[in-house]
């Protein structure tokens, strides 16, 4: 599955737990907290979260796709 900017962060983390490290690397530090990880990311798309953290969305999406390449949910 190709990851796109309109995907919900929480559902992506559920489907591909290995993406957590990528989000943390890009500065999504609230995701370190398991309680926040169960609520907050279900309200945000990758694009919205990227804007909040002032992140290059294209680079983030590329990194997420690289880490999930070859894995099927």
N, C-alpha and C. Protein backbone atom coordinates (compact mmCIF):
# COMPACT_ATOMS: atom_id res chain seq x y z
N UNK A 1 0.85 -1.18 0.00
CA UNK A 1 0.00 0.00 0.00
C UNK A 1 0.89 1.24 0.00
N UNK A 2 0.60 2.14 -0.89
CA UNK A 2 1.35 3.39 -0.94
C UNK A 2 0.80 4.36 0.09
N UNK A 3 1.69 4.93 0.86
CA UNK A 3 1.30 5.90 1.89
C UNK A 3 1.17 7.27 1.23
N UNK A 4 0.06 7.94 1.57
CA UNK A 4 -0.21 9.26 1.00
C UNK A 4 -0.50 10.25 2.11
N UNK A 5 -0.41 11.53 1.78
CA UNK A 5 -0.53 12.59 2.78
C UNK A 5 -1.91 12.70 3.43
N UNK A 6 -2.93 12.15 2.80
CA UNK A 6 -4.27 12.25 3.36
C UNK A 6 -4.62 11.10 4.31
N UNK A 7 -3.66 10.22 4.58
CA UNK A 7 -3.90 9.09 5.47
C UNK A 7 -3.85 9.55 6.93
N UNK A 8 -4.67 8.92 7.76
CA UNK A 8 -4.72 9.22 9.18
C UNK A 8 -3.52 8.58 9.88
N UNK A 9 -2.80 9.38 10.64
CA UNK A 9 -1.57 8.93 11.30
C UNK A 9 -1.84 7.70 12.17
N UNK A 10 -2.90 7.71 12.97
CA UNK A 10 -3.19 6.60 13.88
C UNK A 10 -3.43 5.29 13.16
N UNK A 11 -4.17 5.34 12.07
CA UNK A 11 -4.44 4.12 11.32
C UNK A 11 -3.16 3.61 10.66
N UNK A 12 -2.31 4.52 10.23
CA UNK A 12 -1.04 4.11 9.66
C UNK A 12 -0.18 3.42 10.72
N UNK A 13 -0.15 3.96 11.93
CA UNK A 13 0.61 3.35 13.02
C UNK A 13 0.04 1.98 13.39
N UNK A 14 -1.27 1.84 13.34
CA UNK A 14 -1.89 0.53 13.61
C UNK A 14 -1.50 -0.49 12.56
N UNK A 15 -1.53 -0.07 11.31
CA UNK A 15 -1.26 -0.97 10.19
C UNK A 15 0.22 -1.28 10.04
N UNK A 16 1.05 -0.26 10.24
CA UNK A 16 2.50 -0.38 10.10
C UNK A 16 3.18 0.17 11.35
N UNK A 17 3.24 -0.59 12.43
CA UNK A 17 3.84 -0.09 13.67
C UNK A 17 5.29 0.36 13.51
N UNK A 18 5.96 -0.19 12.51
CA UNK A 18 7.37 0.19 12.28
C UNK A 18 7.51 1.64 11.84
N UNK A 19 6.41 2.29 11.46
CA UNK A 19 6.50 3.70 11.05
C UNK A 19 6.67 4.65 12.25
N UNK A 20 6.42 4.16 13.45
CA UNK A 20 6.58 5.01 14.64
C UNK A 20 7.96 5.63 14.69
N UNK A 21 8.99 4.84 14.42
CA UNK A 21 10.37 5.36 14.45
C UNK A 21 10.56 6.50 13.45
N UNK A 22 9.93 6.40 12.30
CA UNK A 22 10.04 7.46 11.29
C UNK A 22 9.37 8.73 11.80
N UNK A 23 8.17 8.60 12.33
CA UNK A 23 7.48 9.77 12.86
C UNK A 23 8.31 10.43 13.97
N UNK A 24 8.88 9.63 14.85
CA UNK A 24 9.71 10.19 15.93
C UNK A 24 10.95 10.88 15.37
N UNK A 25 11.56 10.27 14.37
CA UNK A 25 12.75 10.87 13.73
C UNK A 25 12.43 12.25 13.14
N UNK A 26 11.20 12.40 12.64
CA UNK A 26 10.80 13.67 12.04
C UNK A 26 10.24 14.67 13.05
N UNK A 27 10.28 14.32 14.33
CA UNK A 27 9.90 15.28 15.36
C UNK A 27 8.52 15.13 15.94
N UNK A 28 7.85 14.04 15.65
CA UNK A 28 6.52 13.81 16.22
C UNK A 28 6.66 13.20 17.61
N UNK A 29 7.35 13.91 18.50
CA UNK A 29 7.69 13.39 19.82
C UNK A 29 6.48 13.07 20.71
N UNK A 30 5.32 13.73 20.55
CA UNK A 30 4.17 13.32 21.38
C UNK A 30 3.80 11.85 21.19
N UNK A 31 4.18 11.27 20.05
CA UNK A 31 3.85 9.87 19.80
C UNK A 31 4.64 8.91 20.69
N UNK A 32 5.64 9.41 21.42
CA UNK A 32 6.36 8.57 22.38
C UNK A 32 5.44 8.14 23.52
N UNK A 33 4.48 8.98 23.84
CA UNK A 33 3.56 8.71 24.95
C UNK A 33 2.46 7.76 24.47
N UNK A 34 2.38 6.55 25.04
CA UNK A 34 1.38 5.57 24.59
C UNK A 34 -0.06 6.06 24.73
N UNK A 35 -0.34 6.88 25.72
CA UNK A 35 -1.70 7.40 25.90
C UNK A 35 -2.05 8.35 24.76
N UNK A 36 -1.16 9.28 24.46
CA UNK A 36 -1.40 10.19 23.34
C UNK A 36 -1.46 9.44 22.01
N UNK A 37 -0.66 8.40 21.89
CA UNK A 37 -0.62 7.62 20.65
C UNK A 37 -1.96 6.92 20.40
N UNK A 38 -2.74 6.68 21.44
CA UNK A 38 -4.04 6.01 21.28
C UNK A 38 -5.17 6.99 20.95
N UNK A 39 -4.92 8.29 21.07
CA UNK A 39 -5.99 9.26 20.83
C UNK A 39 -5.65 10.27 19.75
N UNK A 40 -4.61 11.03 19.98
CA UNK A 40 -4.27 12.16 19.10
C UNK A 40 -4.11 11.81 17.62
N UNK A 41 -3.36 10.76 17.27
CA UNK A 41 -3.11 10.54 15.84
C UNK A 41 -4.32 10.13 15.02
N UNK A 42 -5.42 9.79 15.66
CA UNK A 42 -6.62 9.40 14.92
C UNK A 42 -7.40 10.61 14.43
N UNK A 43 -6.95 11.78 14.82
CA UNK A 43 -7.63 13.01 14.41
C UNK A 43 -6.85 13.78 13.35
N UNK A 44 -5.65 13.30 13.02
CA UNK A 44 -4.78 14.04 12.10
C UNK A 44 -4.36 13.21 10.90
N UNK A 45 -4.35 13.86 9.75
CA UNK A 45 -3.74 13.24 8.58
C UNK A 45 -2.23 13.50 8.64
N UNK A 46 -1.50 12.80 7.81
CA UNK A 46 -0.05 13.03 7.75
C UNK A 46 0.22 14.48 7.36
N UNK A 47 -0.55 14.99 6.41
CA UNK A 47 -0.36 16.37 5.96
C UNK A 47 -0.61 17.37 7.09
N UNK A 48 -1.69 17.19 7.84
CA UNK A 48 -2.00 18.10 8.95
C UNK A 48 -0.91 18.04 10.02
N UNK A 49 -0.49 16.84 10.36
CA UNK A 49 0.56 16.69 11.37
C UNK A 49 1.86 17.32 10.90
N UNK A 50 2.16 17.18 9.62
CA UNK A 50 3.37 17.77 9.06
C UNK A 50 3.36 19.29 9.14
N UNK A 51 2.20 19.87 8.90
CA UNK A 51 2.08 21.34 8.99
C UNK A 51 2.27 21.81 10.42
N UNK A 52 1.72 21.07 11.37
CA UNK A 52 1.86 21.44 12.78
C UNK A 52 3.33 21.45 13.19
N UNK A 53 4.08 20.48 12.70
CA UNK A 53 5.48 20.33 13.07
C UNK A 53 6.44 20.94 12.06
N UNK A 54 5.89 21.63 11.05
CA UNK A 54 6.69 22.28 10.01
C UNK A 54 7.70 21.32 9.38
N UNK A 55 7.17 20.23 8.83
CA UNK A 55 7.98 19.16 8.27
C UNK A 55 7.78 19.10 6.75
N UNK A 56 8.84 18.74 6.04
CA UNK A 56 8.76 18.51 4.61
C UNK A 56 7.94 17.24 4.37
N UNK A 57 6.70 17.40 3.96
CA UNK A 57 5.77 16.28 3.81
C UNK A 57 6.28 15.27 2.78
N UNK A 58 6.82 15.74 1.68
CA UNK A 58 7.30 14.83 0.65
C UNK A 58 8.40 13.92 1.18
N UNK A 59 9.31 14.49 1.95
CA UNK A 59 10.39 13.70 2.54
C UNK A 59 9.86 12.70 3.55
N UNK A 60 8.89 13.12 4.37
CA UNK A 60 8.28 12.23 5.34
C UNK A 60 7.58 11.06 4.64
N UNK A 61 6.79 11.37 3.62
CA UNK A 61 6.05 10.32 2.89
C UNK A 61 7.03 9.34 2.23
N UNK A 62 8.08 9.87 1.66
CA UNK A 62 9.10 9.02 1.03
C UNK A 62 9.71 8.07 2.07
N UNK A 63 10.04 8.60 3.24
CA UNK A 63 10.63 7.78 4.31
C UNK A 63 9.64 6.73 4.80
N UNK A 64 8.38 7.12 4.95
CA UNK A 64 7.36 6.16 5.39
C UNK A 64 7.18 5.05 4.36
N UNK A 65 7.15 5.41 3.09
CA UNK A 65 7.01 4.40 2.04
C UNK A 65 8.22 3.48 1.99
N UNK A 66 9.40 4.03 2.22
CA UNK A 66 10.61 3.20 2.22
C UNK A 66 10.58 2.15 3.32
N UNK A 67 10.11 2.55 4.51
CA UNK A 67 10.11 1.61 5.64
C UNK A 67 9.00 0.56 5.50
N UNK A 68 7.94 0.86 4.77
CA UNK A 68 6.84 -0.09 4.64
C UNK A 68 6.90 -0.89 3.33
N UNK A 69 7.85 -0.58 2.50
CA UNK A 69 7.96 -1.26 1.21
C UNK A 69 8.12 -2.76 1.41
N UNK A 70 7.29 -3.51 0.73
CA UNK A 70 7.36 -4.96 0.81
C UNK A 70 6.50 -5.55 1.92
N UNK A 71 5.95 -4.71 2.81
CA UNK A 71 5.08 -5.20 3.87
C UNK A 71 3.63 -5.02 3.44
N UNK A 72 2.82 -6.02 3.70
CA UNK A 72 1.39 -5.91 3.43
C UNK A 72 0.66 -5.94 4.76
N UNK A 73 -0.37 -5.08 4.90
CA UNK A 73 -1.11 -5.07 6.16
C UNK A 73 -1.88 -6.36 6.41
